[in-house]
C-alpha atoms as a PDB file:
ATOM      1  CA  MET A   1     -23.550  67.222 -18.592  1.00  0.00           C
ATOM      2  CA  ASP A   2     -22.541  70.953 -18.716  1.00  0.00           C
ATOM      3  CA  PRO A   3     -23.978  71.491 -22.149  1.00  0.00           C
ATOM      4  CA  TYR A   4     -27.364  70.508 -20.891  1.00  0.00           C
ATOM      5  CA  THR A   5     -27.243  72.176 -17.406  1.00  0.00           C
ATOM      6  CA  PRO A   6     -28.357  75.531 -18.106  1.00  0.00           C
ATOM      7  CA  ALA A   7     -31.571  74.320 -19.734  1.00  0.00           C
ATOM      8  CA  LEU A   8     -32.186  72.025 -16.843  1.00  0.00           C
ATOM      9  CA  LEU A   9     -31.728  74.920 -14.538  1.00  0.00           C
ATOM     10  CA  GLU A  10     -34.290  77.064 -16.534  1.00  0.00           C
ATOM     11  CA  ARG A  11     -36.706  74.111 -15.954  1.00  0.00           C
ATOM     12  CA  GLY A  12     -36.399  74.043 -12.216  1.00  0.00           C
ATOM     13  CA  LEU A  13     -33.398  72.056 -11.330  1.00  0.00           C
ATOM     14  CA  LYS A  14     -32.187  73.146  -7.917  1.00  0.00           C
ATOM     15  CA  GLY A  15     -29.313  70.930  -6.866  1.00  0.00           C
ATOM     16  CA  MET A  16     -26.598  68.867  -8.590  1.00  0.00           C
ATOM     17  CA  ILE A  17     -23.985  66.405  -7.279  1.00  0.00           C
ATOM     18  CA  GLY A  18     -20.645  65.564  -8.890  1.00  0.00           C
ATOM     19  CA  LYS A  19     -16.789  65.578  -8.302  1.00  0.00           C
ATOM     20  CA  GLY A  20     -15.292  68.027 -10.809  1.00  0.00           C
ATOM     21  CA  SER A  21     -15.571  71.829 -11.473  1.00  0.00           C
ATOM     22  CA  ARG A  22     -18.442  73.242 -13.644  1.00  0.00           C
ATOM     23  CA  SER A  23     -18.173  75.415 -16.697  1.00  0.00           C
ATOM     24  CA  LYS A  24     -18.552  79.209 -16.516  1.00  0.00           C
ATOM     25  CA  ASP A  25     -21.934  79.021 -18.518  1.00  0.00           C
ATOM     26  CA  VAL A  26     -23.243  76.610 -15.781  1.00  0.00           C
ATOM     27  CA  ARG A  27     -22.027  78.799 -12.865  1.00  0.00           C
ATOM     28  CA  GLU A  28     -23.631  81.875 -14.456  1.00  0.00           C
ATOM     29  CA  ALA A  29     -26.881  79.813 -15.007  1.00  0.00           C
ATOM     30  CA  MET A  30     -26.891  78.737 -11.435  1.00  0.00           C
ATOM     31  CA  GLN A  31     -26.927  82.648 -10.482  1.00  0.00           C
ATOM     32  CA  ARG A  32     -29.856  83.231 -12.664  1.00  0.00           C
ATOM     33  CA  HIS A  33     -31.879  80.313 -11.626  1.00  0.00           C
ATOM     34  CA  PRO A  34     -30.732  79.925  -7.956  1.00  0.00           C
ATOM     35  CA  ALA A  35     -29.269  76.415  -7.473  1.00  0.00           C
ATOM     36  CA  VAL A  36     -26.282  74.752  -5.827  1.00  0.00           C
ATOM     37  CA  TYR A  37     -23.717  72.257  -6.971  1.00  0.00           C
ATOM     38  CA  PHE A  38     -22.471  69.741  -4.482  1.00  0.00           C
ATOM     39  CA  ALA A  39     -19.293  67.625  -4.599  1.00  0.00           C
ATOM     40  CA  ALA A  40     -18.916  64.169  -3.268  1.00  0.00           C
ATOM     41  CA  VAL A  41     -15.633  62.718  -2.349  1.00  0.00           C
ATOM     42  CA  GLY A  42     -14.174  60.873  -5.299  1.00  0.00           C
ATOM     43  CA  GLY A  43     -13.537  57.135  -4.646  1.00  0.00           C
ATOM     44  CA  ALA A  44     -16.131  56.928  -1.933  1.00  0.00           C
ATOM     45  CA  GLY A  45     -19.331  56.258  -3.915  1.00  0.00           C
ATOM     46  CA  ALA A  46     -19.935  52.838  -2.484  1.00  0.00           C
ATOM     47  CA  LEU A  47     -19.970  54.381   1.206  1.00  0.00           C
ATOM     48  CA  ILE A  48     -21.872  57.340   0.168  1.00  0.00           C
ATOM     49  CA  SER A  49     -24.607  55.347  -1.521  1.00  0.00           C
ATOM     50  CA  ARG A  50     -25.637  53.914   1.806  1.00  0.00           C
ATOM     51  CA  CYS A  51     -27.076  57.397   2.453  1.00  0.00           C
ATOM     52  CA  ILE A  52     -29.537  57.294  -0.399  1.00  0.00           C
ATOM     53  CA  GLU A  53     -32.844  56.228   1.004  1.00  0.00           C
ATOM     54  CA  GLU A  54     -34.796  56.504  -2.347  1.00  0.00           C
ATOM     55  CA  ALA A  55     -33.804  57.324  -6.024  1.00  0.00           C
ATOM     56  CA  GLU A  56     -36.113  57.865  -8.954  1.00  0.00           C
ATOM     57  CA  VAL A  57     -35.131  58.558 -12.525  1.00  0.00           C
ATOM     58  CA  VAL A  58     -36.862  61.520 -13.629  1.00  0.00           C
ATOM     59  CA  ALA A  59     -35.048  62.213 -16.989  1.00  0.00           C
ATOM     60  CA  TYR A  60     -32.594  60.770 -19.700  1.00  0.00           C
ATOM     61  CA  GLU A  61     -33.006  57.069 -18.234  1.00  0.00           C
ATOM     62  CA  ASP A  62     -31.091  56.012 -21.640  1.00  0.00           C
ATOM     63  CA  LEU A  63     -28.027  57.740 -20.121  1.00  0.00           C
ATOM     64  CA  GLY A  64     -27.607  55.200 -17.394  1.00  0.00           C
ATOM     65  CA  THR A  65     -25.308  56.501 -14.532  1.00  0.00           C
ATOM     66  CA  GLU A  66     -25.617  60.001 -16.059  1.00  0.00           C
ATOM     67  CA  ALA A  67     -29.610  60.062 -15.860  1.00  0.00           C
ATOM     68  CA  ILE A  68     -31.230  62.732 -13.908  1.00  0.00           C
ATOM     69  CA  ARG A  69     -32.530  61.400 -10.617  1.00  0.00           C
ATOM     70  CA  ARG A  70     -34.459  62.840  -7.677  1.00  0.00           C
ATOM     71  CA  LEU A  71     -32.842  61.434  -4.446  1.00  0.00           C
ATOM     72  CA  ARG A  72     -34.104  61.238  -0.818  1.00  0.00           C
ATOM     73  CA  VAL A  73     -31.049  61.065   1.237  1.00  0.00           C
ATOM     74  CA  LYS A  74     -30.116  61.034   5.029  1.00  0.00           C
ATOM     75  CA  SER A  75     -26.753  62.222   6.398  1.00  0.00           C
ATOM     76  CA  PHE A  76     -25.352  62.477   2.932  1.00  0.00           C
ATOM     77  CA  PRO A  77     -21.706  63.822   2.994  1.00  0.00           C
ATOM     78  CA  LEU A  78     -21.379  66.619   0.486  1.00  0.00           C
ATOM     79  CA  VAL A  79     -19.679  69.970   0.191  1.00  0.00           C
ATOM     80  CA  VAL A  80     -21.261  72.868  -1.517  1.00  0.00           C
ATOM     81  CA  ILE A  81     -18.894  73.892  -4.300  1.00  0.00           C
ATOM     82  CA  ASN A  82     -20.810  76.377  -6.287  1.00  0.00           C
ATOM     83  CA  ASP A  83     -23.802  78.258  -4.915  1.00  0.00           C
ATOM     84  CA  ALA A  84     -26.447  80.724  -6.398  1.00  0.00           C
ATOM     85  CA  HIS A  85     -24.421  83.795  -5.331  1.00  0.00           C
ATOM     86  CA  GLY A  86     -21.415  82.761  -7.573  1.00  0.00           C
ATOM     87  CA  ALA A  87     -19.083  81.332  -5.017  1.00  0.00           C
ATOM     88  CA  ASP A  88     -16.675  78.540  -6.358  1.00  0.00           C
ATOM     89  CA  LEU A  89     -14.941  76.655  -3.436  1.00  0.00           C
ATOM     90  CA  TYR A  90     -12.327  75.015  -6.067  1.00  0.00           C
ATOM     91  CA  GLU A  91     -11.340  78.534  -7.254  1.00  0.00           C
ATOM     92  CA  GLU A  92     -11.216  79.876  -3.693  1.00  0.00           C
ATOM     93  CA  GLY A  93      -9.191  76.721  -2.685  1.00  0.00           C
ATOM     94  CA  VAL A  94      -6.503  77.375  -5.556  1.00  0.00           C
ATOM     95  CA  ALA A  95      -6.434  81.216  -4.696  1.00  0.00           C
ATOM     96  CA  LYS A  96      -5.689  80.561  -0.997  1.00  0.00           C
ATOM     97  CA  TYR A  97      -3.430  77.330  -0.969  1.00  0.00           C
ATOM     98  CA  GLY A  98      -2.207  77.172  -4.588  1.00  0.00           C
ATOM     99  CA  ARG A  99       1.313  77.650  -5.402  1.00  0.00           C
ATOM    100  CA  GLY A 100       2.264  79.743  -8.444  1.00  0.00           C
END
């Protein structure tokens, strides 16, 4: 989805959920158009899905699981990975705990 994300951010997208890191272009676009990227714990999809109270496809229905959805959630366990100020928890974790 990274190739499409800057255009979505320009059009008002404010939050995204995923598992992996985002590209430099996406992180820069998140600073220009304040937004946040949340990460969910990998492998816990069935458990996390119980926190979704409502889901509505708002774009790209033909992409199936990759479609853009508006979610209403309660007690949804996520971690902020990238914020509108340029922070990247994945990079911070490697810098702090990585072995090199």
